[in-house]
């Protein structure tokens, strides 16, 4: 066939299925709005749930960190890239979340890939929620372990898998705290109880829960009074920056420092970023007012959506998906909303299952009540077309 023909056919298929992805060039954003081209829109597609990407103290901390430590780490943390800000933030994060250790990674995707690649061996098993994030499922499928997926948020389905497991090897149960495309929360208490009963470990990716839920924003696990053996938190959502961390035991951290290739062979995050993350952590810890504002926006939006008969998924989080079904329908709705000044991204397969294309509406503490009302009016008009 040849490389060029293979590429051309794959692209043509994506276009035909209305699944072709394109990036947009953002001129400017301020956590509440986004400027694309020559027009400004209300932004309902970002994961900046608390608006901290524009927090003056966080920005000042990054600038101060750059002045003190430069703009790059200069190497892997195993060479010369592990600095005082990295060490300090890891310790603060571990203390805050109640774990002995935290290890910083350049992204949540890298953390998930590194953790599963380092931990799993042949004859091991991964039981993952069917709607777990792509980074988790890809890492599991590439590992030497066997992968089985259980019905979304169904502990009884997991129980059957655990009960039928053969002897030999280890079992890792994998889920998200808050699911990135559906916005619902995992029943972490039941999942952890099952894992412990069957001598297995639970791994929770709480990218969309950390900073938003639980006391001081400590996340889904804290709120449900669960401490999984492996917890992944990311900083590109409620923290307003980027990067991630794995929370674990002392010995597990030492193991990952020896065998996690994504950690060993990648340049560490810039020290200035770790310095800024300390300021973001403080803002999250003191962010009860921001979380209350976000919850009020969620309540206003869901009440208005119900009054308009919109088919929202049952989410109590900042992620509010509106099912459209077919790809073309989702694209049409997104375009209509943009015409009315609201930027909402259409999410299509393969990111979500076939037949479940949707608008992934995300709310922020930075949104005002009049912003929510404008979105509801635009959705009402778009839904009637």
Protein backbone atom coordinates (compact mmCIF):
# COMPACT_ATOMS: atom_id res chain seq x y z
CA UNK A 1 0.00 0.00 0.00
CA UNK A 2 2.78 2.46 0.93
CA UNK A 3 3.03 4.97 3.75
CA UNK A 4 1.43 7.89 1.95
CA UNK A 5 -1.59 5.88 0.82
CA UNK A 6 -2.07 4.51 4.34
CA UNK A 7 -2.03 8.02 5.78
CA UNK A 8 -4.35 9.40 3.11
CA UNK A 9 -6.90 6.61 3.57
CA UNK A 10 -6.91 7.03 7.36
CA UNK A 11 -7.47 10.78 7.05
CA UNK A 12 -10.19 10.32 4.45
CA UNK A 13 -11.99 7.88 6.74
CA UNK A 14 -11.85 10.32 9.64
CA UNK A 15 -13.26 13.11 7.48
CA UNK A 16 -16.03 10.89 6.13
CA UNK A 17 -17.11 9.93 9.64
CA UNK A 18 -17.12 13.57 10.81
CA UNK A 19 -14.35 12.66 13.27
CA UNK A 20 -11.52 14.77 11.86
CA UNK A 21 -9.77 16.75 14.60
CA UNK A 22 -8.35 20.22 14.14
CA UNK A 23 -6.58 22.55 16.54
CA UNK A 24 -7.65 26.15 17.01
CA UNK A 25 -5.31 29.08 17.54
CA UNK A 26 -6.32 30.92 20.70
CA UNK A 27 -5.37 34.58 20.66
CA UNK A 28 -6.04 35.18 24.34
CA UNK A 29 -8.05 33.83 27.24
CA UNK A 30 -8.80 34.96 30.78
CA UNK A 31 -10.30 31.80 32.37
CA UNK A 32 -13.80 33.08 31.57
CA UNK A 33 -13.54 34.00 27.91
CA UNK A 34 -11.54 32.96 24.86
CA UNK A 35 -10.50 34.97 21.81
CA UNK A 36 -10.35 33.09 18.50
CA UNK A 37 -9.70 35.04 15.34
CA UNK A 38 -11.23 38.46 15.77
CA UNK A 39 -14.02 37.40 18.12
CA UNK A 40 -14.28 36.81 21.86
CA UNK A 41 -16.47 34.00 23.24
CA UNK A 42 -17.58 32.81 26.64
CA UNK A 43 -15.39 29.75 27.19
CA UNK A 44 -17.25 26.60 28.25
CA UNK A 45 -14.60 24.11 27.10
CA UNK A 46 -11.66 24.67 29.46
CA UNK A 47 -10.75 22.55 32.49
CA UNK A 48 -9.67 25.61 34.50
CA UNK A 49 -12.34 24.86 37.10
CA UNK A 50 -11.26 27.43 39.69
CA UNK A 51 -9.87 30.03 37.30
CA UNK A 52 -6.37 29.72 38.77
CA UNK A 53 -4.57 29.88 35.41
CA UNK A 54 -4.99 33.65 35.70
CA UNK A 55 -4.54 33.98 39.45
CA UNK A 56 -2.15 36.91 40.10
CA UNK A 57 -0.33 35.15 42.95
CA UNK A 58 0.26 32.01 40.89
CA UNK A 59 1.53 34.08 37.95
CA UNK A 60 3.81 36.07 40.26
CA UNK A 61 5.16 32.84 41.77
CA UNK A 62 6.04 31.48 38.33
CA UNK A 63 7.83 34.73 37.46
CA UNK A 64 9.69 34.65 40.76
CA UNK A 65 10.61 31.00 40.22
CA UNK A 66 11.94 31.78 36.74
CA UNK A 67 14.10 34.58 38.13
CA UNK A 68 15.51 32.30 40.84
CA UNK A 69 15.83 28.99 39.02
CA UNK A 70 15.64 29.74 35.29
CA UNK A 71 13.02 28.52 32.83
CA UNK A 72 14.10 24.89 32.45
CA UNK A 73 15.24 22.00 34.63
CA UNK A 74 18.19 21.23 32.36
CA UNK A 75 17.93 17.47 32.72
CA UNK A 76 16.22 14.45 34.18
CA UNK A 77 15.56 14.45 37.89
CA UNK A 78 17.98 11.53 38.05
CA UNK A 79 20.80 13.72 36.73
CA UNK A 80 20.62 17.42 37.69
CA UNK A 81 16.94 18.30 37.13
CA UNK A 82 15.60 17.69 40.65
CA UNK A 83 15.64 21.01 42.49
CA UNK A 84 14.59 22.51 45.79
CA UNK A 85 11.16 23.59 44.41
CA UNK A 86 10.49 20.04 43.17
CA UNK A 87 11.36 18.52 46.53
CA UNK A 88 9.37 21.11 48.48
CA UNK A 89 6.23 20.75 46.37
CA UNK A 90 6.35 16.94 46.47
CA UNK A 91 6.52 17.03 50.26
CA UNK A 92 3.73 19.60 50.57
CA UNK A 93 1.49 17.59 48.25
CA UNK A 94 2.15 14.32 50.06
CA UNK A 95 1.44 15.88 53.46
CA UNK A 96 -1.76 17.50 52.17
CA UNK A 97 -3.15 14.30 50.68
CA UNK A 98 -2.00 12.01 53.49
CA UNK A 99 0.58 9.91 51.65
CA UNK A 100 4.22 9.20 52.53
CA UNK A 101 5.50 10.23 49.09
CA UNK A 102 4.65 12.14 45.94
CA UNK A 103 6.56 11.99 42.65
CA UNK A 104 6.19 14.72 40.04
CA UNK A 105 5.65 13.93 36.35
CA UNK A 106 5.54 16.21 33.33
CA UNK A 107 1.88 15.30 32.55
CA UNK A 108 -0.98 13.12 33.71
CA UNK A 109 -0.67 11.04 30.55
CA UNK A 110 3.01 10.39 31.31
CA UNK A 111 2.26 9.53 34.95
CA UNK A 112 -0.38 6.96 34.00
CA UNK A 113 1.79 5.43 31.29
CA UNK A 114 4.86 5.29 33.54
CA UNK A 115 3.05 3.81 36.50
CA UNK A 116 1.37 0.98 34.61
CA UNK A 117 4.47 0.22 32.52
CA UNK A 118 6.65 0.00 35.63
CA UNK A 119 4.24 -1.91 37.88
CA UNK A 120 2.69 -4.56 35.63
CA UNK A 121 4.35 -7.78 34.51
CA UNK A 122 3.40 -10.86 32.53
CA UNK A 123 0.62 -12.90 34.20
CA UNK A 124 -0.64 -9.77 36.00
CA UNK A 125 -4.17 -8.45 35.44
CA UNK A 126 -5.62 -4.99 34.98
CA UNK A 127 -9.34 -4.54 35.60
CA UNK A 128 -10.28 -1.07 34.33
CA UNK A 129 -13.54 0.83 34.24
CA UNK A 130 -14.83 0.73 30.66
CA UNK A 131 -14.84 4.55 30.44
CA UNK A 132 -11.41 5.10 31.99
CA UNK A 133 -9.22 7.73 30.33
CA UNK A 134 -7.36 6.92 27.11
CA UNK A 135 -3.99 7.24 28.84
CA UNK A 136 -4.97 4.49 31.29
CA UNK A 137 -6.44 2.13 28.72
CA UNK A 138 -3.58 2.61 26.27
CA UNK A 139 -0.98 1.97 28.97
CA UNK A 140 -2.88 -1.14 30.03
CA UNK A 141 -3.15 -2.47 26.48
CA UNK A 142 0.58 -1.91 25.89
CA UNK A 143 1.63 -3.58 29.13
CA UNK A 144 2.43 -7.32 29.35
CA UNK A 145 -0.54 -7.76 31.71
CA UNK A 146 -3.97 -8.87 30.57
CA UNK A 147 -6.63 -6.15 30.37
CA UNK A 148 -10.30 -6.67 31.20
CA UNK A 149 -12.79 -3.80 31.31
CA UNK A 150 -15.76 -3.82 33.69
CA UNK A 151 -19.09 -2.04 33.18
CA UNK A 152 -18.87 1.65 34.00
CA UNK A 153 -19.21 2.38 37.73
CA UNK A 154 -20.57 -1.13 38.42
CA UNK A 155 -18.80 -2.68 41.45
CA UNK A 156 -20.72 -5.91 40.95
CA UNK A 157 -19.15 -6.29 37.51
CA UNK A 158 -15.70 -5.79 39.04
CA UNK A 159 -16.55 -8.32 41.76
CA UNK A 160 -17.22 -10.98 39.12
CA UNK A 161 -13.89 -10.33 37.45
CA UNK A 162 -12.02 -10.46 40.74
CA UNK A 163 -13.80 -13.66 41.78
CA UNK A 164 -12.92 -15.37 38.51
CA UNK A 165 -9.24 -14.43 38.59
CA UNK A 166 -6.81 -17.32 38.43
CA UNK A 167 -3.97 -17.68 40.89
CA UNK A 168 -0.61 -16.21 40.01
CA UNK A 169 0.33 -12.64 39.21
CA UNK A 170 -1.00 -9.42 40.71
CA UNK A 171 -4.20 -7.49 40.03
CA UNK A 172 -4.54 -3.73 39.59
CA UNK A 173 -8.00 -2.12 39.58
CA UNK A 174 -8.03 1.13 37.60
CA UNK A 175 -10.60 3.93 37.56
CA UNK A 176 -11.00 7.68 37.45
CA UNK A 177 -12.29 9.70 40.39
CA UNK A 178 -14.39 11.98 38.18
CA UNK A 179 -14.79 10.77 34.60
CA UNK A 180 -13.51 13.28 32.07
CA UNK A 181 -16.20 12.78 29.42
CA UNK A 182 -19.28 11.92 31.51
CA UNK A 183 -18.61 14.01 34.62
CA UNK A 184 -19.86 11.35 37.03
CA UNK A 185 -17.94 10.00 40.03
CA UNK A 186 -16.68 6.49 40.69
CA UNK A 187 -17.94 4.55 43.74
CA UNK A 188 -14.44 4.48 45.18
CA UNK A 189 -15.35 3.02 48.55
CA UNK A 190 -16.93 -0.10 47.03
CA UNK A 191 -14.15 -0.49 44.48
CA UNK A 192 -11.43 -0.25 47.13
CA UNK A 193 -13.23 -2.65 49.43
CA UNK A 194 -13.39 -5.21 46.61
CA UNK A 195 -9.74 -4.68 45.73
CA UNK A 196 -8.60 -5.18 49.33
CA UNK A 197 -10.79 -8.27 49.69
CA UNK A 198 -9.08 -9.85 46.68
CA UNK A 199 -5.54 -8.79 47.65
CA UNK A 200 -5.41 -6.27 44.80
CA UNK A 201 -4.42 -2.63 44.51
CA UNK A 202 -6.63 0.28 43.45
CA UNK A 203 -5.27 3.01 41.16
CA UNK A 204 -7.32 6.21 40.91
CA UNK A 205 -6.74 8.99 38.39
CA UNK A 206 -8.36 12.00 40.05
CA UNK A 207 -7.43 14.60 37.43
CA UNK A 208 -10.92 16.13 37.45
CA UNK A 209 -11.61 15.78 41.17
CA UNK A 210 -8.49 17.20 42.77
CA UNK A 211 -8.89 20.84 43.78
CA UNK A 212 -12.63 20.79 43.20
CA UNK A 213 -14.15 18.32 45.64
CA UNK A 214 -13.40 17.17 49.17
CA UNK A 215 -12.18 19.14 52.17
CA UNK A 216 -9.83 21.92 50.97
CA UNK A 217 -10.22 20.44 47.49
CA UNK A 218 -8.34 17.26 48.40
CA UNK A 219 -10.32 15.36 45.77
CA UNK A 220 -12.59 12.40 45.21
CA UNK A 221 -10.72 9.90 47.37
CA UNK A 222 -10.63 12.23 50.37
CA UNK A 223 -14.33 13.01 49.95
CA UNK A 224 -15.20 9.31 49.88
CA UNK A 225 -12.77 8.51 52.73
CA UNK A 226 -10.68 6.17 50.59
CA UNK A 227 -6.91 6.01 50.32
CA UNK A 228 -6.05 3.97 47.23
CA UNK A 229 -2.63 2.40 46.98
CA UNK A 230 -1.91 4.54 43.91
CA UNK A 231 -3.36 8.03 43.41
CA UNK A 232 -2.67 10.23 40.39
CA UNK A 233 -3.45 13.93 40.54
CA UNK A 234 -2.88 16.43 37.75
CA UNK A 235 -2.31 20.17 37.73
CA UNK A 236 -3.74 21.13 34.34
CA UNK A 237 -7.31 21.42 35.60
CA UNK A 238 -8.26 23.00 38.94
CA UNK A 239 -4.63 23.94 39.71
CA UNK A 240 -4.51 26.00 36.52
CA UNK A 241 -1.01 24.91 35.41
CA UNK A 242 0.22 21.54 34.09
CA UNK A 243 2.02 18.42 35.27
CA UNK A 244 0.99 15.58 37.55
CA UNK A 245 2.02 13.56 40.58
CA UNK A 246 1.78 9.98 41.78
CA UNK A 247 0.94 9.59 45.48
CA UNK A 248 2.08 6.31 47.01
CA UNK A 249 4.03 4.56 49.77
CA UNK A 250 7.72 5.10 50.47
CA UNK A 251 8.73 1.78 48.95
CA UNK A 252 6.55 2.21 45.87
CA UNK A 253 8.10 5.63 45.26
CA UNK A 254 11.59 4.15 45.50
CA UNK A 255 10.52 1.40 43.08
CA UNK A 256 9.23 3.96 40.56
CA UNK A 257 12.45 5.95 40.85
CA UNK A 258 14.28 2.81 39.72
CA UNK A 259 11.92 1.52 37.03
CA UNK A 260 9.57 4.29 35.74
CA UNK A 261 11.20 5.08 32.40
CA UNK A 262 9.01 8.14 31.74
CA UNK A 263 10.43 9.63 34.94
CA UNK A 264 14.03 8.54 34.47
CA UNK A 265 14.49 9.51 30.84
CA UNK A 266 12.53 12.77 30.58
CA UNK A 267 13.64 16.27 31.47
CA UNK A 268 11.97 17.26 34.73
CA UNK A 269 9.33 19.98 34.81
CA UNK A 270 10.84 23.48 35.10
CA UNK A 271 11.66 24.42 38.70
CA UNK A 272 9.72 27.65 38.15
CA UNK A 273 6.64 25.56 37.47
CA UNK A 274 7.11 23.59 40.69
CA UNK A 275 7.53 26.93 42.49
CA UNK A 276 4.27 28.20 40.95
CA UNK A 277 2.53 24.95 41.89
CA UNK A 278 3.23 25.69 45.55
CA UNK A 279 1.30 28.96 45.14
CA UNK A 280 -1.47 27.12 43.28
CA UNK A 281 -1.69 24.55 46.08
CA UNK A 282 -2.12 27.35 48.62
CA UNK A 283 -4.84 28.90 46.44
CA UNK A 284 -6.61 25.53 46.23
CA UNK A 285 -6.36 24.98 49.98
CA UNK A 286 -7.86 28.42 50.60
CA UNK A 287 -10.35 28.15 47.74
CA UNK A 288 -13.61 27.35 49.54
CA UNK A 289 -15.18 30.50 48.10
CA UNK A 290 -14.13 29.52 44.58
CA UNK A 291 -15.51 26.01 45.03
CA UNK A 292 -18.79 27.44 46.36
CA UNK A 293 -19.01 29.74 43.34
CA UNK A 294 -18.40 26.78 41.01
CA UNK A 295 -21.08 24.73 42.75
CA UNK A 296 -23.53 27.60 42.41
CA UNK A 297 -22.79 27.79 38.67
CA UNK A 298 -23.34 24.04 38.34
CA UNK A 299 -26.64 24.30 40.19
CA UNK A 300 -27.84 27.24 38.08
CA UNK A 301 -26.89 25.49 34.86
CA UNK A 302 -28.55 22.20 35.70
CA UNK A 303 -31.72 23.89 36.91
CA UNK A 304 -31.94 25.92 33.72
CA UNK A 305 -31.16 22.91 31.55
CA UNK A 306 -33.90 20.88 33.23
CA UNK A 307 -36.39 23.68 32.66
CA UNK A 308 -35.45 23.68 28.96
CA UNK A 309 -35.65 19.90 28.64
CA UNK A 310 -31.97 19.48 27.72
CA UNK A 311 -30.65 15.91 27.82
CA UNK A 312 -27.75 16.34 30.22
CA UNK A 313 -25.96 13.34 31.65
CA UNK A 314 -26.40 12.95 35.44
CA UNK A 315 -23.29 14.86 36.56
CA UNK A 316 -22.88 16.92 39.72
CA UNK A 317 -19.42 18.12 38.68
CA UNK A 318 -18.03 20.92 36.52
CA UNK A 319 -18.24 18.59 33.50
CA UNK A 320 -21.77 18.78 32.07
CA UNK A 321 -22.13 16.66 28.90
CA UNK A 322 -25.07 17.22 26.55
CA UNK A 323 -25.65 14.14 24.41
CA UNK A 324 -26.15 14.76 20.70
CA UNK A 325 -25.83 11.20 19.39
CA UNK A 326 -24.39 11.58 15.91
CA UNK A 327 -21.20 13.42 15.07
CA UNK A 328 -22.82 15.82 12.63
CA UNK A 329 -25.45 16.82 15.19
CA UNK A 330 -22.78 17.62 17.79
CA UNK A 331 -20.79 19.68 15.27
CA UNK A 332 -23.89 21.60 14.22
CA UNK A 333 -24.79 22.41 17.83
CA UNK A 334 -21.25 23.57 18.60
CA UNK A 335 -21.24 25.84 15.55
CA UNK A 336 -24.64 27.32 16.46
CA UNK A 337 -23.42 28.07 19.98
CA UNK A 338 -20.37 29.86 18.62
CA UNK A 339 -22.59 32.03 16.50
CA UNK A 340 -24.26 33.03 19.77
CA UNK A 341 -20.97 33.79 21.52
CA UNK A 342 -20.44 30.54 23.47
CA UNK A 343 -17.43 28.31 22.81
CA UNK A 344 -18.30 24.65 23.47
CA UNK A 345 -16.38 21.76 21.94
CA UNK A 346 -18.07 18.83 20.20
CA UNK A 347 -16.62 15.53 21.44
CA UNK A 348 -16.88 12.66 18.98
CA UNK A 349 -15.75 9.04 18.62
CA UNK A 350 -13.21 7.61 19.14
CA UNK A 351 -12.88 9.82 22.24
CA UNK A 352 -16.36 8.67 23.32
CA UNK A 353 -18.26 5.50 22.32
CA UNK A 354 -19.99 5.35 18.96
CA UNK A 355 -23.40 7.00 18.97
CA UNK A 356 -22.61 9.18 22.01
CA UNK A 357 -21.16 12.31 20.40
CA UNK A 358 -21.77 15.22 22.71
CA UNK A 359 -21.13 18.76 23.74
CA UNK A 360 -18.73 18.66 26.68
CA UNK A 361 -19.74 21.74 28.63
CA UNK A 362 -17.36 22.71 31.42
CA UNK A 363 -18.10 25.29 34.08
CA UNK A 364 -15.69 27.39 36.12
CA UNK A 365 -15.71 29.54 39.22
CA UNK A 366 -14.64 32.32 36.84
CA UNK A 367 -18.04 32.26 35.11
CA UNK A 368 -20.66 34.78 36.17
CA UNK A 369 -24.35 34.07 36.57
CA UNK A 370 -25.12 36.07 33.43
CA UNK A 371 -22.65 33.85 31.53
CA UNK A 372 -24.60 30.78 32.58
CA UNK A 373 -27.83 32.42 31.49
CA UNK A 374 -26.38 33.31 28.10
CA UNK A 375 -25.26 29.70 27.61
CA UNK A 376 -28.70 28.36 28.57
CA UNK A 377 -30.42 30.70 26.15
CA UNK A 378 -28.02 29.74 23.36
CA UNK A 379 -28.56 26.04 24.06
CA UNK A 380 -32.33 26.50 24.09
CA UNK A 381 -32.22 28.23 20.71
CA UNK A 382 -29.74 25.76 19.23
CA UNK A 383 -31.72 22.77 20.45
CA UNK A 384 -34.84 24.10 18.75
CA UNK A 385 -33.21 24.42 15.33
